[in-house]
Amino acid sequence: MEIYDTTNNYWVELPMINTERHYHSSCSFNRKFIYIFGGIHDRKYSNSIERLILDINNPKGNEWKLINMSLIENRISPRQGS
C-alpha cells in the first residue's frame, strides 16, 4: 500500500491491509483516516471495511483495523468499485 504526499511530492509506503483485495474503493477523511472498502477477494465481492489512522511522519507506525460490520445496522452489500 502506498499514498502520495502532495505536500512533499513523493510516495509513502503504508502498512499492509488485513484482507487482500482488488477493484476496491478508498477515501480519506479529515486528513487523518484512510478507509478501504469493498473490492474482490478470492473471486468474491467483499463488504469489509478497513481503517488506517494516518500519520504521514510515521506511516508504518499504525496498522489497518478491520471495522466490525456486525455493529452496523444496515450493513453494506458486497461490492467492487464505486
C-alpha atoms as a PDB file:
ATOM      1  CA  MET A   1       0.000   0.000   0.000  1.00  0.00           C
ATOM      2  CA  GLU A   2       1.203   3.469  -0.838  1.00  0.00           C
ATOM      3  CA  ILE A   3      -0.124   7.007  -0.590  1.00  0.00           C
ATOM      4  CA  TYR A   4       1.060  10.071  -2.452  1.00  0.00           C
ATOM      5  CA  ASP A   5       2.134  13.008  -0.272  1.00  0.00           C
ATOM      6  CA  THR A   6       1.224  16.042  -2.392  1.00  0.00           C
ATOM      7  CA  THR A   7       2.865  18.457   0.040  1.00  0.00           C
ATOM      8  CA  ASN A   8       6.317  16.871  -0.271  1.00  0.00           C
ATOM      9  CA  ASN A   9       5.843  15.381  -3.749  1.00  0.00           C
ATOM     10  CA  TYR A  10       6.672  11.719  -3.015  1.00  0.00           C
ATOM     11  CA  TRP A  11       5.091   8.318  -2.396  1.00  0.00           C
ATOM     12  CA  VAL A  12       4.877   6.964   1.174  1.00  0.00           C
ATOM     13  CA  GLU A  13       4.713   3.239   1.873  1.00  0.00           C
ATOM     14  CA  LEU A  14       1.907   2.201   4.242  1.00  0.00           C
ATOM     15  CA  PRO A  15       1.385  -0.987   6.264  1.00  0.00           C
ATOM     16  CA  MET A  16      -0.244  -3.973   4.545  1.00  0.00           C
ATOM     17  CA  ILE A  17      -4.023  -4.266   4.751  1.00  0.00           C
ATOM     18  CA  ASN A  18      -5.604  -7.257   6.529  1.00  0.00           C
ATOM     19  CA  THR A  19      -7.641  -8.548   3.586  1.00  0.00           C
ATOM     20  CA  GLU A  20      -6.051  -8.613   0.159  1.00  0.00           C
ATOM     21  CA  ARG A  21      -8.391  -7.183  -2.467  1.00  0.00           C
ATOM     22  CA  HIS A  22      -8.542  -5.549  -5.842  1.00  0.00           C
ATOM     23  CA  TYR A  23     -11.115  -3.291  -7.546  1.00  0.00           C
ATOM     24  CA  HIS A  24     -11.758  -1.731  -4.136  1.00  0.00           C
ATOM     25  CA  SER A  25     -12.661   1.839  -3.237  1.00  0.00           C
ATOM     26  CA  SER A  26     -10.861   4.065  -0.777  1.00  0.00           C
ATOM     27  CA  CYS A  27     -11.227   7.520   0.691  1.00  0.00           C
ATOM     28  CA  SER A  28      -9.564   9.792   3.199  1.00  0.00           C
ATOM     29  CA  PHE A  29     -11.364  11.670   5.938  1.00  0.00           C
ATOM     30  CA  ASN A  30     -10.167  14.852   7.683  1.00  0.00           C
ATOM     31  CA  ARG A  31      -6.584  14.157   6.533  1.00  0.00           C
ATOM     32  CA  LYS A  32      -6.428  11.732   9.463  1.00  0.00           C
ATOM     33  CA  PHE A  33      -8.077   8.489   8.347  1.00  0.00           C
ATOM     34  CA  ILE A  34      -7.948   6.315   5.254  1.00  0.00           C
ATOM     35  CA  TYR A  35     -10.736   3.825   4.600  1.00  0.00           C
ATOM     36  CA  ILE A  36     -10.671   0.899   2.152  1.00  0.00           C
ATOM     37  CA  PHE A  37     -13.898  -0.899   1.369  1.00  0.00           C
ATOM     38  CA  GLY A  38     -15.423  -3.400  -0.986  1.00  0.00           C
ATOM     39  CA  GLY A  39     -13.452  -4.996  -3.765  1.00  0.00           C
ATOM     40  CA  ILE A  40     -12.870  -8.571  -4.788  1.00  0.00           C
ATOM     41  CA  HIS A  41     -11.150 -11.130  -2.542  1.00  0.00           C
ATOM     42  CA  ASP A  42     -10.794 -14.814  -3.501  1.00  0.00           C
ATOM     43  CA  ARG A  43     -13.074 -14.277  -6.535  1.00  0.00           C
ATOM     44  CA  LYS A  44     -15.927 -12.987  -4.331  1.00  0.00           C
ATOM     45  CA  TYR A  45     -17.233  -9.481  -3.764  1.00  0.00           C
ATOM     46  CA  SER A  46     -16.286  -8.126  -0.351  1.00  0.00           C
ATOM     47  CA  ASN A  47     -18.217  -5.935   2.078  1.00  0.00           C
ATOM     48  CA  SER A  48     -15.352  -5.484   4.542  1.00  0.00           C
ATOM     49  CA  ILE A  49     -14.059  -2.075   5.577  1.00  0.00           C
ATOM     50  CA  GLU A  50     -10.606  -1.287   6.977  1.00  0.00           C
ATOM     51  CA  ARG A  51      -9.369   1.964   8.538  1.00  0.00           C
ATOM     52  CA  LEU A  52      -5.877   3.386   8.999  1.00  0.00           C
ATOM     53  CA  ILE A  53      -5.100   6.349  11.231  1.00  0.00           C
ATOM     54  CA  LEU A  54      -2.737   8.279   9.002  1.00  0.00           C
ATOM     55  CA  ASP A  55       0.466   9.738  10.370  1.00  0.00           C
ATOM     56  CA  ILE A  56       2.466  10.796   7.330  1.00  0.00           C
ATOM     57  CA  ASN A  57       5.574  11.286   9.510  1.00  0.00           C
ATOM     58  CA  ASN A  58       5.358   7.717  10.817  1.00  0.00           C
ATOM     59  CA  PRO A  59       3.420   5.825   8.101  1.00  0.00           C
ATOM     60  CA  LYS A  60       4.324   2.352   9.355  1.00  0.00           C
ATOM     61  CA  GLY A  61       3.579   3.196  12.997  1.00  0.00           C
ATOM     62  CA  ASN A  62      -0.079   2.186  12.742  1.00  0.00           C
ATOM     63  CA  GLU A  63      -1.879  -0.792  11.326  1.00  0.00           C
ATOM     64  CA  TRP A  64      -5.100  -1.260   9.422  1.00  0.00           C
ATOM     65  CA  LYS A  65      -8.066  -2.083  11.654  1.00  0.00           C
ATOM     66  CA  LEU A  66     -10.987  -4.119  10.375  1.00  0.00           C
ATOM     67  CA  ILE A  67     -14.308  -2.353  11.077  1.00  0.00           C
ATOM     68  CA  ASN A  68     -16.716  -4.661  12.915  1.00  0.00           C
ATOM     69  CA  MET A  69     -19.626  -4.828  10.473  1.00  0.00           C
ATOM     70  CA  SER A  70     -21.915  -6.565  12.989  1.00  0.00           C
ATOM     71  CA  LEU A  71     -22.187  -3.204  14.797  1.00  0.00           C
ATOM     72  CA  ILE A  72     -23.636  -1.510  11.722  1.00  0.00           C
ATOM     73  CA  GLU A  73     -27.389  -1.965  11.475  1.00  0.00           C
ATOM     74  CA  ASN A  74     -27.703  -1.541   7.696  1.00  0.00           C
ATOM     75  CA  ARG A  75     -24.568  -3.318   6.519  1.00  0.00           C
ATOM     76  CA  ILE A  76     -23.276  -2.607   3.053  1.00  0.00           C
ATOM     77  CA  SER A  77     -23.740  -5.294   0.464  1.00  0.00           C
ATOM     78  CA  PRO A  78     -20.661  -6.914  -1.060  1.00  0.00           C
ATOM     79  CA  ARG A  79     -19.409  -4.789  -3.969  1.00  0.00           C
ATOM     80  CA  GLN A  80     -16.477  -3.717  -6.083  1.00  0.00           C
ATOM     81  CA  GLY A  81     -15.509  -0.293  -7.380  1.00  0.00           C
ATOM     82  CA  SER A  82     -17.563   2.897  -6.975  1.00  0.00           C
END
